[in-house]
Amino acid sequence: MTISNSMKNETVTRVIEQSEIAPPPGSVPSPTTLPLTFLDIGWFFCPPIQRIFFYHFPHPTHHFLQTTLPILKHSLSITLQHFFPFSSNLIIPPNSQNVPYIRYLNGDFISLTVVESSTNFNILISDSQDTQNWYPLVPNLCAPRTEQNGTRVIPLMSIQITILPNFGFSICLTFSHIAGDGKSLHHFMKFWASISKARANYFEIEHSISIDLPSHERDRVKDPKGLKLIYLKELQDMISKKIELPNLVRYSHANKVRTTLVLNSEQVQKLKKWVSVKCKEKLQHMSTFVVTCSLIWFCMVKSEQSKIEEDNAVVDDVCYLVFMADCRDRPRFLLPKNYFGNCLATCIVAVKRDELVGKNGIVVAANGIERKIRDFKSDALLGFETLMSDYRELSEPSKSIVYVAGSPKLAVYETDFGWGKPVKSEAVHIDSSGSISLSECRVGGGGIEVGLALERIRMTNFINIFEEVLHKTQRTNQTYGKLLIISCIYLFNSILFVLYSKFSTTCRFNLR
């Protein structure tokens, strides 16, 4: 596998337009406020989330500006009347004892930037490239402002559309996780895309949108453990210490490359069989998620091991994998599937480093991940009391952590604005957050895509380890298959021999 594609020539980028896209006048009552639930507060200091979509569009810039951009802007405005929190602001009162909340006022908007770039479109959608290639396509959140009474007003989303003339365009969103989780974001995106597609094809919107409206019923979030008060106390302590909310993503200037790995359905099934054979106990949840995360986690930790040994670095002897689980349908929550906001449980898997990088590391990882899924299914609120302190502990520099962003269930490749499905979609922020991203395979077929960004040397190590493990699982499955065939032949021959012996005995007896 080629490790990266980089831009060999200087690219020219120019801003064509900066717009403020608001819901249609009068469509959202002003003011409208939403309280933060305990499920939102845990994301207060999370850096902005960034998601990019690339689309083929073989037309010049003027054609896009005349025919496509007006549809995208108009459909975005219509969408925001239902998904108004993204055009709202986070309000932090001057008194730290007062609770922050989300507020919409007439005139609130999403900042939309339209840019033209001469960047090579084929490099941008390639599966291996420099991380810096995408940075000019990513918007920043608008700067926070402070009102006269000391109230801080923090925008929650910005969007950038970048035109790559005669090849395609990209839509990139930067938003605060406090506004909503991945399911809320992709609900918003699919609703926007559906309206745009209806407009592009001259359909009646009322008869062509089959997507549910979002539910903003925050009072349906039950808090039997009083977690909101626990989180608010910790949050107020942080605010009183003047800890700043991360408004920008801090990109690493290290020599990083981005890679998208594609595991097809056959590879996933062979990986499942391989883990099943190696496991001493049967796993209840032998899912694509479990085996994929186990494989990637093993390769990630293994790929850094040589550098740790070379530098004599002091590292924690425990490695962590952190993934999120949707709580909407869990018995302790029972929220509608269209609930808009955050509704995620944080699952933290801890495994000793020497076990994870050992001979059976993937199996050890799979056992740990499967156990956490089992715990979550038995009690979705398990571990919520210590969430804030857990995150503080995990933020220590010596910790080895892999965060899992996204999910194949979000169906990112179903986001069609009327010009076809995305040719690529990825979480940009994994460059700086130490995350991997998961999505369904763009070509379908039950596969899975994994996005990650690592320093160039470490990425080379990672790919070598990854390909070696995949080869081993395929070879092992072939060996098991041959052994199974041999066993079946041996069993069949044994049965024939027994039947023949009985038949011969019977014949001899009758002849007598």
Protein backbone atom coordinates (compact mmCIF):
# COMPACT_ATOMS: atom_id res chain seq x y z
CA MET A 1 0.00 0.00 0.00
CA THR A 2 1.29 3.51 -0.88
CA ILE A 3 1.48 5.50 2.33
CA SER A 4 0.41 8.94 1.12
CA ASN A 5 -0.40 11.34 -1.67
CA SER A 6 0.72 14.92 -1.21
CA MET A 7 0.14 18.12 -3.13
CA LYS A 8 3.29 18.62 -5.19
CA ASN A 9 2.29 22.03 -6.54
CA GLU A 10 0.98 25.13 -4.84
CA THR A 11 -2.80 25.19 -4.85
CA VAL A 12 -4.82 28.36 -5.28
CA THR A 13 -7.76 28.91 -2.95
CA ARG A 14 -10.11 31.89 -3.04
CA VAL A 15 -13.14 32.74 -0.96
CA ILE A 16 -16.13 33.36 -3.23
CA GLU A 17 -18.81 34.10 -0.66
CA GLN A 18 -19.47 34.25 3.06
CA SER A 19 -23.12 33.94 4.03
CA GLU A 20 -25.24 33.81 7.16
CA ILE A 21 -27.87 31.07 6.81
CA ALA A 22 -30.76 31.34 9.26
CA PRO A 23 -34.09 29.52 9.59
CA PRO A 24 -36.93 31.15 7.60
CA PRO A 25 -38.22 34.30 9.37
CA GLY A 26 -40.72 33.47 12.10
CA SER A 27 -40.27 29.70 11.77
CA VAL A 28 -38.63 29.36 15.20
CA PRO A 29 -40.03 31.26 18.23
CA SER A 30 -37.63 33.83 19.65
CA PRO A 31 -36.26 33.26 22.18
CA THR A 32 -36.20 29.47 22.25
CA THR A 33 -34.02 27.84 24.88
CA LEU A 34 -32.94 24.26 25.49
CA PRO A 35 -31.51 23.10 28.82
CA LEU A 36 -28.39 20.97 28.86
CA THR A 37 -28.95 17.44 30.14
CA PHE A 38 -26.29 15.43 31.96
CA LEU A 39 -25.70 13.72 28.60
CA ASP A 40 -24.67 17.09 27.09
CA ILE A 41 -22.55 18.48 29.92
CA GLY A 42 -19.92 15.76 29.63
CA TRP A 43 -19.00 17.14 26.17
CA PHE A 44 -18.43 20.71 27.37
CA PHE A 45 -14.68 20.75 26.82
CA CYS A 46 -14.58 18.44 23.80
CA PRO A 47 -12.78 20.04 20.81
CA PRO A 48 -14.97 20.78 17.77
CA ILE A 49 -16.08 17.85 15.61
CA GLN A 50 -15.35 18.03 11.87
CA ARG A 51 -16.99 15.91 9.17
CA ILE A 52 -16.32 16.25 5.44
CA PHE A 53 -18.25 14.89 2.43
CA PHE A 54 -16.87 14.78 -1.13
CA TYR A 55 -19.13 14.65 -4.22
CA HIS A 56 -18.46 14.27 -7.93
CA PHE A 57 -19.61 17.33 -9.91
CA PRO A 58 -18.03 17.55 -13.41
CA HIS A 59 -19.01 21.17 -14.08
CA PRO A 60 -17.27 24.56 -13.89
CA THR A 61 -17.54 26.92 -10.94
CA HIS A 62 -20.04 29.30 -12.54
CA HIS A 63 -22.42 26.39 -13.18
CA PHE A 64 -22.22 25.36 -9.52
CA LEU A 65 -22.82 28.94 -8.34
CA GLN A 66 -25.81 29.44 -10.63
CA THR A 67 -27.57 26.08 -10.28
CA THR A 68 -26.39 24.20 -7.20
CA LEU A 69 -25.42 26.71 -4.52
CA PRO A 70 -28.88 28.39 -4.38
CA ILE A 71 -30.50 24.98 -3.81
CA LEU A 72 -28.03 24.08 -1.06
CA LYS A 73 -28.51 27.42 0.72
CA HIS A 74 -32.31 27.43 0.49
CA SER A 75 -32.63 23.81 1.64
CA LEU A 76 -30.23 24.50 4.52
CA SER A 77 -32.42 27.38 5.70
CA ILE A 78 -35.54 25.18 5.60
CA THR A 79 -33.69 22.44 7.50
CA LEU A 80 -32.60 24.84 10.24
CA GLN A 81 -36.17 25.61 11.24
CA HIS A 82 -36.34 22.02 12.51
CA PHE A 83 -32.70 21.65 13.56
CA PHE A 84 -32.44 25.14 15.05
CA PRO A 85 -29.88 24.24 17.79
CA PHE A 86 -27.14 24.22 15.14
CA SER A 87 -27.92 27.86 14.31
CA SER A 88 -28.21 28.72 18.01
CA ASN A 89 -25.55 29.64 20.56
CA LEU A 90 -24.30 28.15 23.78
CA ILE A 91 -24.94 30.67 26.55
CA ILE A 92 -22.62 30.76 29.58
CA PRO A 93 -23.94 33.17 32.24
CA PRO A 94 -21.39 35.43 33.99
CA ASN A 95 -22.14 33.81 37.35
CA SER A 96 -20.60 30.34 37.27
CA GLN A 97 -23.38 29.15 39.58
CA ASN A 98 -25.92 29.66 36.78
CA VAL A 99 -26.42 26.77 34.39
CA PRO A 100 -25.30 27.12 30.73
CA TYR A 101 -27.96 26.52 28.08
CA ILE A 102 -28.62 26.68 24.33
CA ARG A 103 -30.50 29.76 23.06
CA TYR A 104 -31.98 30.72 19.71
CA LEU A 105 -32.81 34.35 18.95
CA ASN A 106 -34.09 35.95 15.75
CA GLY A 107 -31.05 36.66 13.61
CA ASP A 108 -28.99 33.72 14.81
CA PHE A 109 -27.37 31.86 11.93
CA ILE A 110 -24.87 29.32 10.66
CA SER A 111 -21.81 30.79 8.96
CA LEU A 112 -21.49 29.39 5.42
CA THR A 113 -18.26 29.94 3.48
CA VAL A 114 -18.02 29.12 -0.23
CA VAL A 115 -14.51 28.57 -1.56
CA GLU A 116 -12.95 27.65 -4.92
CA SER A 117 -9.78 25.56 -4.89
CA SER A 118 -7.40 24.26 -7.53
CA THR A 119 -6.53 21.27 -5.36
CA ASN A 120 -6.34 17.90 -7.11
CA PHE A 121 -9.73 16.29 -6.46
CA ASN A 122 -8.43 12.75 -7.00
CA ILE A 123 -5.81 13.22 -4.30
CA LEU A 124 -8.40 14.62 -1.89
CA ILE A 125 -10.58 11.51 -2.22
CA SER A 126 -7.68 9.04 -2.18
CA ASP A 127 -7.35 6.53 0.65
CA SER A 128 -3.83 7.60 1.57
CA GLN A 129 -2.65 11.22 1.72
CA ASP A 130 -1.07 13.94 3.85
CA THR A 131 -3.33 15.15 6.63
CA GLN A 132 -2.71 18.77 5.63
CA ASN A 133 -4.49 18.30 2.29
CA TRP A 134 -7.93 18.78 3.85
CA TYR A 135 -7.21 21.68 6.19
CA PRO A 136 -8.09 24.43 3.65
CA LEU A 137 -11.51 22.75 3.18
CA VAL A 138 -12.43 22.93 6.87
CA PRO A 139 -14.23 25.91 8.47
CA ASN A 140 -13.55 27.30 11.92
CA LEU A 141 -16.34 28.07 14.33
CA CYS A 142 -17.14 31.76 14.58
CA ALA A 143 -15.36 33.44 17.46
CA PRO A 144 -17.26 33.60 20.77
CA ARG A 145 -18.42 36.99 21.95
CA THR A 146 -19.11 38.48 25.36
CA GLU A 147 -22.23 40.56 26.01
CA GLN A 148 -22.18 43.69 28.16
CA ASN A 149 -23.36 41.83 31.25
CA GLY A 150 -20.54 39.30 30.92
CA THR A 151 -22.58 36.53 29.30
CA ARG A 152 -20.53 34.46 26.87
CA VAL A 153 -22.18 33.58 23.54
CA ILE A 154 -20.60 30.68 21.66
CA PRO A 155 -21.65 29.63 18.10
CA LEU A 156 -22.24 25.92 17.61
CA MET A 157 -21.72 25.24 13.88
CA SER A 158 -19.99 26.50 10.73
CA ILE A 159 -20.11 25.06 7.21
CA GLN A 160 -17.75 25.37 4.24
CA ILE A 161 -18.51 24.35 0.66
CA THR A 162 -15.40 24.02 -1.49
CA ILE A 163 -15.72 23.86 -5.28
CA LEU A 164 -13.13 21.82 -7.17
CA PRO A 165 -13.94 23.05 -10.71
CA ASN A 166 -14.91 20.38 -13.26
CA PHE A 167 -14.35 17.57 -10.75
CA GLY A 168 -16.42 17.92 -7.61
CA PHE A 169 -17.17 19.76 -4.41
CA SER A 170 -16.94 19.15 -0.68
CA ILE A 171 -19.20 20.04 2.24
CA CYS A 172 -17.43 20.24 5.58
CA LEU A 173 -19.08 20.93 8.94
CA THR A 174 -17.41 22.02 12.16
CA PHE A 175 -19.66 21.87 15.20
CA SER A 176 -19.65 21.69 18.97
CA HIS A 177 -20.43 18.26 20.38
CA ILE A 178 -22.50 19.95 23.07
CA ALA A 179 -25.18 20.62 20.42
CA GLY A 180 -25.65 16.96 19.54
CA ASP A 181 -24.03 13.61 18.89
CA GLY A 182 -23.18 11.84 15.64
CA LYS A 183 -26.70 10.51 15.21
CA SER A 184 -28.10 14.06 15.55
CA LEU A 185 -25.56 15.41 13.05
CA HIS A 186 -26.32 12.79 10.41
CA HIS A 187 -30.07 13.18 10.99
CA PHE A 188 -29.55 16.86 10.18
CA MET A 189 -27.40 16.08 7.13
CA LYS A 190 -29.84 13.57 5.67
CA PHE A 191 -32.78 15.93 6.20
CA TRP A 192 -30.87 18.76 4.48
CA ALA A 193 -29.82 16.41 1.67
CA SER A 194 -33.40 15.17 1.18
CA ILE A 195 -34.78 18.69 0.79
CA SER A 196 -31.93 19.62 -1.55
CA LYS A 197 -32.53 16.50 -3.64
CA ALA A 198 -36.25 17.27 -3.87
CA ARG A 199 -35.49 20.84 -5.02
CA ALA A 200 -32.86 19.68 -7.50
CA ASN A 201 -35.36 17.28 -9.09
CA TYR A 202 -38.33 19.70 -8.89
CA PHE A 203 -40.25 17.41 -6.53
CA GLU A 204 -42.79 18.64 -4.00
CA ILE A 205 -40.95 18.70 -0.68
CA GLU A 206 -44.00 17.63 1.33
CA HIS A 207 -44.33 14.42 -0.69
CA SER A 208 -40.65 13.53 -0.99
CA ILE A 209 -39.28 13.82 2.56
CA SER A 210 -39.62 10.55 4.46
CA ILE A 211 -37.22 11.46 7.27
CA ASP A 212 -38.65 12.07 10.76
CA LEU A 213 -38.51 15.54 12.27
CA PRO A 214 -36.16 15.82 15.26
CA SER A 215 -37.47 15.62 18.82
CA HIS A 216 -36.22 18.36 21.16
CA GLU A 217 -37.98 17.02 24.27
CA ARG A 218 -35.14 17.39 26.76
CA ASP A 219 -37.50 16.77 29.68
CA ARG A 220 -37.75 13.13 28.56
CA VAL A 221 -34.15 12.54 29.66
CA LYS A 222 -34.47 10.98 33.11
CA ASP A 223 -31.71 11.47 35.67
CA PRO A 224 -32.35 9.01 38.52
CA LYS A 225 -28.78 9.26 39.84
CA GLY A 226 -28.66 13.07 39.97
CA LEU A 227 -25.80 13.14 37.49
CA LYS A 228 -26.54 16.64 36.21
CA LEU A 229 -25.79 18.15 39.62
CA ILE A 230 -22.56 16.13 39.87
CA TYR A 231 -21.42 17.24 36.41
CA LEU A 232 -22.46 20.86 36.94
CA LYS A 233 -20.38 21.14 40.09
CA GLU A 234 -17.29 19.92 38.24
CA LEU A 235 -18.13 22.16 35.27
CA GLN A 236 -18.56 25.22 37.50
CA ASP A 237 -15.17 24.54 39.07
CA MET A 238 -13.58 24.49 35.61
CA ILE A 239 -15.38 27.66 34.49
CA SER A 240 -14.37 29.48 37.70
CA LYS A 241 -10.74 28.54 36.95
CA LYS A 242 -11.10 30.30 33.56
CA ILE A 243 -10.51 27.08 31.61
CA GLU A 244 -11.26 27.99 28.00
CA LEU A 245 -13.66 26.07 25.81
CA PRO A 246 -11.82 24.65 22.79
CA ASN A 247 -13.10 26.75 19.88
CA LEU A 248 -10.49 25.58 17.39
CA VAL A 249 -9.07 22.18 16.51
CA ARG A 250 -5.35 22.20 17.24
CA TYR A 251 -3.80 20.44 14.28
CA SER A 252 -0.53 18.69 14.88
CA HIS A 253 2.33 19.97 12.73
CA ALA A 254 3.97 16.54 12.83
CA ASN A 255 4.57 14.73 9.58
CA LYS A 256 1.21 12.94 9.64
CA VAL A 257 -0.55 10.97 6.96
CA ARG A 258 -4.16 9.89 6.72
CA THR A 259 -5.24 6.43 5.61
CA THR A 260 -8.65 4.90 4.97
CA LEU A 261 -8.64 1.13 5.35
CA VAL A 262 -11.40 -0.89 3.73
CA LEU A 263 -12.33 -4.31 5.10
CA ASN A 264 -14.70 -6.13 2.79
CA SER A 265 -17.37 -8.52 4.02
CA GLU A 266 -15.30 -11.63 3.31
CA GLN A 267 -12.34 -10.29 5.29
CA VAL A 268 -14.60 -9.37 8.21
CA GLN A 269 -16.18 -12.84 8.27
CA LYS A 270 -12.77 -14.52 8.21
CA LEU A 271 -11.62 -12.26 11.04
CA LYS A 272 -14.69 -13.23 13.07
CA LYS A 273 -13.99 -16.94 12.51
CA TRP A 274 -10.35 -16.50 13.44
CA VAL A 275 -11.19 -14.70 16.71
CA SER A 276 -13.90 -17.27 17.50
CA VAL A 277 -11.45 -20.15 17.13
CA LYS A 278 -8.82 -18.41 19.27
CA CYS A 279 -11.26 -17.42 22.05
CA LYS A 280 -11.46 -19.81 25.00
CA GLU A 281 -15.00 -18.69 25.75
CA LYS A 282 -17.77 -17.92 23.27
CA LEU A 283 -18.35 -14.19 22.79
CA GLN A 284 -21.99 -13.10 22.88
CA HIS A 285 -21.38 -10.09 20.63
CA MET A 286 -19.02 -11.27 17.89
CA SER A 287 -19.89 -8.26 15.74
CA THR A 288 -18.11 -6.45 12.93
CA PHE A 289 -17.54 -3.59 15.39
CA VAL A 290 -15.86 -5.86 17.96
CA VAL A 291 -13.44 -7.59 15.59
CA THR A 292 -12.62 -4.41 13.63
CA CYS A 293 -11.84 -2.37 16.76
CA SER A 294 -9.82 -5.27 18.18
CA LEU A 295 -7.71 -5.53 15.03
CA ILE A 296 -7.11 -1.78 14.71
CA TRP A 297 -6.38 -1.30 18.43
CA PHE A 298 -3.84 -4.13 18.37
CA CYS A 299 -2.13 -2.69 15.28
CA MET A 300 -2.15 0.87 16.70
CA VAL A 301 -0.44 -0.12 19.95
CA LYS A 302 1.92 -2.57 18.26
CA SER A 303 2.98 0.10 15.74
CA GLU A 304 4.19 2.45 18.48
CA GLN A 305 6.00 -0.25 20.46
CA SER A 306 9.30 -0.05 18.55
CA LYS A 307 9.51 3.73 19.04
CA ILE A 308 8.76 3.36 22.75
CA GLU A 309 11.57 0.83 23.09
CA GLU A 310 13.94 2.91 20.95
CA ASP A 311 13.32 6.11 22.96
CA ASN A 312 13.14 4.33 26.33
CA ALA A 313 9.92 6.26 26.80
CA VAL A 314 8.00 6.03 30.06
CA VAL A 315 4.46 4.93 29.24
CA ASP A 316 1.56 3.59 31.20
CA ASP A 317 1.42 -0.20 31.36
CA VAL A 318 -2.32 -0.06 30.57
CA CYS A 319 -3.80 0.78 27.15
CA TYR A 320 -7.29 2.17 26.66
CA LEU A 321 -9.92 2.01 23.94
CA VAL A 322 -12.83 4.44 24.29
CA PHE A 323 -16.01 4.02 22.27
CA MET A 324 -19.53 5.42 22.45
CA ALA A 325 -22.83 3.55 22.61
CA ASP A 326 -26.20 5.04 21.66
CA CYS A 327 -28.60 5.01 24.64
CA ARG A 328 -31.81 6.07 22.88
CA ASP A 329 -33.37 2.62 22.89
CA ARG A 330 -32.01 1.43 26.24
CA PRO A 331 -34.54 0.64 29.03
CA ARG A 332 -33.06 3.31 31.36
CA PHE A 333 -33.68 5.99 28.71
CA LEU A 334 -36.38 4.99 26.20
CA LEU A 335 -35.94 8.13 24.11
CA PRO A 336 -37.32 8.32 20.57
CA LYS A 337 -34.88 7.38 17.80
CA ASN A 338 -35.20 10.94 16.44
CA TYR A 339 -34.17 12.56 19.76
CA PHE A 340 -31.88 15.50 18.97
CA GLY A 341 -29.01 16.08 21.36
CA ASN A 342 -26.44 13.89 23.05
CA CYS A 343 -27.46 10.41 24.10
CA LEU A 344 -24.24 8.44 24.36
CA ALA A 345 -22.66 6.24 27.00
CA THR A 346 -18.87 6.24 27.19
CA CYS A 347 -17.36 2.75 27.28
CA ILE A 348 -13.72 2.57 28.42
CA VAL A 349 -11.83 -0.68 27.82
CA ALA A 350 -8.55 -1.15 29.71
CA VAL A 351 -6.04 -3.86 28.81
CA LYS A 352 -2.46 -4.39 30.00
CA ARG A 353 0.00 -3.37 27.31
CA ASP A 354 2.01 -6.60 27.39
CA GLU A 355 -1.19 -8.62 26.90
CA LEU A 356 -2.41 -6.39 24.06
CA VAL A 357 0.83 -6.59 22.06
CA GLY A 358 1.25 -10.29 22.82
CA LYS A 359 0.53 -13.33 20.68
CA ASN A 360 -3.20 -13.29 21.44
CA GLY A 361 -3.56 -9.50 21.63
CA ILE A 362 -6.50 -9.28 19.21
CA VAL A 363 -8.39 -11.91 21.19
CA VAL A 364 -7.64 -10.10 24.48
CA ALA A 365 -8.93 -6.86 22.92
CA ALA A 366 -12.06 -8.57 21.60
CA ASN A 367 -12.82 -10.02 25.03
CA GLY A 368 -12.42 -6.60 26.66
CA ILE A 369 -14.62 -4.80 24.11
CA GLU A 370 -17.29 -7.50 24.18
CA ARG A 371 -17.38 -7.38 27.99
CA LYS A 372 -18.00 -3.61 27.91
CA ILE A 373 -20.83 -4.05 25.41
CA ARG A 374 -22.35 -6.68 27.70
CA ASP A 375 -22.08 -4.30 30.68
CA PHE A 376 -23.69 -1.50 28.68
CA LYS A 377 -26.60 -3.69 27.62
CA SER A 378 -27.25 -4.75 31.21
CA ASP A 379 -27.03 -1.17 32.59
CA ALA A 380 -26.58 1.78 30.22
CA LEU A 381 -25.91 4.13 33.17
CA LEU A 382 -23.00 2.08 34.50
CA GLY A 383 -19.94 4.27 35.13
CA PHE A 384 -21.66 7.62 34.46
CA GLU A 385 -20.93 8.88 38.01
CA THR A 386 -17.16 8.92 37.40
CA LEU A 387 -17.24 10.06 33.77
CA MET A 388 -15.75 13.54 34.30
CA SER A 389 -12.95 12.25 36.54
CA ASP A 390 -12.31 9.39 34.10
CA TYR A 391 -11.80 11.88 31.28
CA ARG A 392 -9.43 13.95 33.42
CA GLU A 393 -7.39 10.84 34.16
CA LEU A 394 -7.30 9.80 30.50
CA SER A 395 -6.04 13.25 29.49
CA GLU A 396 -2.66 12.61 31.15
CA PRO A 397 0.15 12.65 28.54
CA SER A 398 1.50 9.18 29.36
CA LYS A 399 -1.79 7.43 28.57
CA SER A 400 -2.11 5.27 25.46
CA ILE A 401 -5.66 5.84 24.22
CA VAL A 402 -7.52 5.09 21.01
CA TYR A 403 -10.88 6.83 20.65
CA VAL A 404 -13.45 5.39 18.26
CA ALA A 405 -15.48 8.00 16.35
CA GLY A 406 -18.43 7.35 14.07
CA SER A 407 -20.29 4.13 13.38
CA PRO A 408 -21.37 2.12 10.31
CA LYS A 409 -24.93 2.52 11.59
CA LEU A 410 -24.83 6.26 10.78
CA ALA A 411 -24.90 5.46 7.04
CA VAL A 412 -22.81 8.46 5.97
CA TYR A 413 -22.78 7.30 2.33
CA GLU A 414 -26.55 7.66 2.10
CA THR A 415 -26.25 11.48 2.21
CA ASP A 416 -27.34 12.39 -1.34
CA PHE A 417 -28.04 16.08 -2.06
CA GLY A 418 -29.27 15.34 -5.58
CA TRP A 419 -25.96 14.85 -7.35
CA GLY A 420 -25.20 11.32 -6.18
CA LYS A 421 -23.89 9.75 -3.02
CA PRO A 422 -20.58 10.89 -1.51
CA VAL A 423 -17.45 9.43 -3.07
CA LYS A 424 -15.75 9.85 0.31
CA SER A 425 -16.68 10.97 3.82
CA GLU A 426 -14.42 11.16 6.84
CA ALA A 427 -14.01 12.65 10.30
CA VAL A 428 -11.29 15.29 9.89
CA HIS A 429 -10.70 15.87 13.61
CA ILE A 430 -9.13 12.43 14.10
CA ASP A 431 -5.86 14.09 13.01
CA SER A 432 -5.57 15.81 16.38
CA SER A 433 -7.64 13.68 18.75
CA GLY A 434 -5.95 10.29 18.54
CA SER A 435 -9.14 8.77 17.18
CA ILE A 436 -10.06 6.28 14.52
CA SER A 437 -13.30 6.69 12.58
CA LEU A 438 -15.68 3.96 11.45
CA SER A 439 -18.25 4.03 8.67
CA GLU A 440 -19.99 1.64 6.35
CA CYS A 441 -18.15 0.74 3.15
CA ARG A 442 -18.87 3.22 0.35
CA VAL A 443 -19.37 0.43 -2.19
CA GLY A 444 -21.75 -1.46 0.10
CA GLY A 445 -21.60 -5.21 0.50
CA GLY A 446 -21.40 -5.28 4.28
CA GLY A 447 -17.81 -4.06 4.59
CA ILE A 448 -16.44 -1.38 6.88
CA GLU A 449 -14.13 1.64 6.46
CA VAL A 450 -11.61 2.71 9.09
CA GLY A 451 -9.99 6.15 9.00
CA LEU A 452 -6.86 6.99 10.97
CA ALA A 453 -4.01 9.50 10.97
CA LEU A 454 -0.49 8.74 12.23
CA GLU A 455 3.07 10.00 11.87
CA ARG A 456 4.52 8.75 8.59
CA ILE A 457 6.97 6.22 10.08
CA ARG A 458 4.40 4.84 12.47
CA MET A 459 1.84 4.56 9.66
CA THR A 460 4.30 2.41 7.70
CA ASN A 461 4.68 0.15 10.74
CA PHE A 462 0.92 0.06 11.21
CA ILE A 463 0.21 -0.94 7.59
CA ASN A 464 2.84 -3.70 7.70
CA ILE A 465 1.35 -5.13 10.91
CA PHE A 466 -2.21 -4.76 9.62
CA GLU A 467 -1.52 -6.56 6.34
CA GLU A 468 0.42 -9.31 8.11
CA VAL A 469 -2.47 -9.97 10.52
CA LEU A 470 -5.04 -9.98 7.70
CA HIS A 471 -2.92 -12.44 5.74
CA LYS A 472 -2.60 -14.65 8.82
CA THR A 473 -6.35 -14.72 9.46
CA GLN A 474 -7.03 -15.65 5.82
CA ARG A 475 -4.31 -18.30 5.78
CA THR A 476 -5.47 -19.73 9.11
CA ASN A 477 -9.06 -19.91 7.90
CA GLN A 478 -7.88 -21.78 4.80
CA THR A 479 -5.97 -24.20 7.05
CA TYR A 480 -9.04 -24.72 9.21
CA GLY A 481 -11.07 -25.28 6.04
CA LYS A 482 -8.64 -27.93 4.78
CA LEU A 483 -8.60 -29.65 8.17
CA LEU A 484 -12.39 -29.61 8.20
CA ILE A 485 -12.52 -31.20 4.74
CA ILE A 486 -9.98 -33.86 5.76
CA SER A 487 -11.95 -34.54 8.94
CA CYS A 488 -15.17 -34.90 6.96
CA ILE A 489 -13.52 -37.28 4.49
CA TYR A 490 -12.08 -39.32 7.36
CA LEU A 491 -15.49 -39.44 9.09
CA PHE A 492 -17.22 -40.39 5.84
CA ASN A 493 -14.72 -43.19 5.20
CA SER A 494 -15.13 -44.43 8.77
CA ILE A 495 -18.90 -44.57 8.36
CA LEU A 496 -18.53 -46.47 5.07
CA PHE A 497 -16.14 -48.90 6.72
CA VAL A 498 -18.58 -49.56 9.58
CA LEU A 499 -21.49 -50.03 7.19
CA TYR A 500 -19.42 -52.31 4.98
CA SER A 501 -18.35 -54.39 7.97
CA LYS A 502 -21.94 -54.78 9.15
CA PHE A 503 -23.08 -55.66 5.63
CA SER A 504 -20.34 -58.26 5.25
CA THR A 505 -21.18 -59.83 8.60
CA THR A 506 -24.87 -59.98 7.71
CA CYS A 507 -24.12 -61.61 4.37
CA ARG A 508 -21.89 -64.26 5.94
CA PHE A 509 -24.55 -65.00 8.56
CA ASN A 510 -27.25 -65.43 5.90
CA LEU A 511 -25.07 -67.70 3.80
CA ARG A 512 -24.70 -70.05 6.73
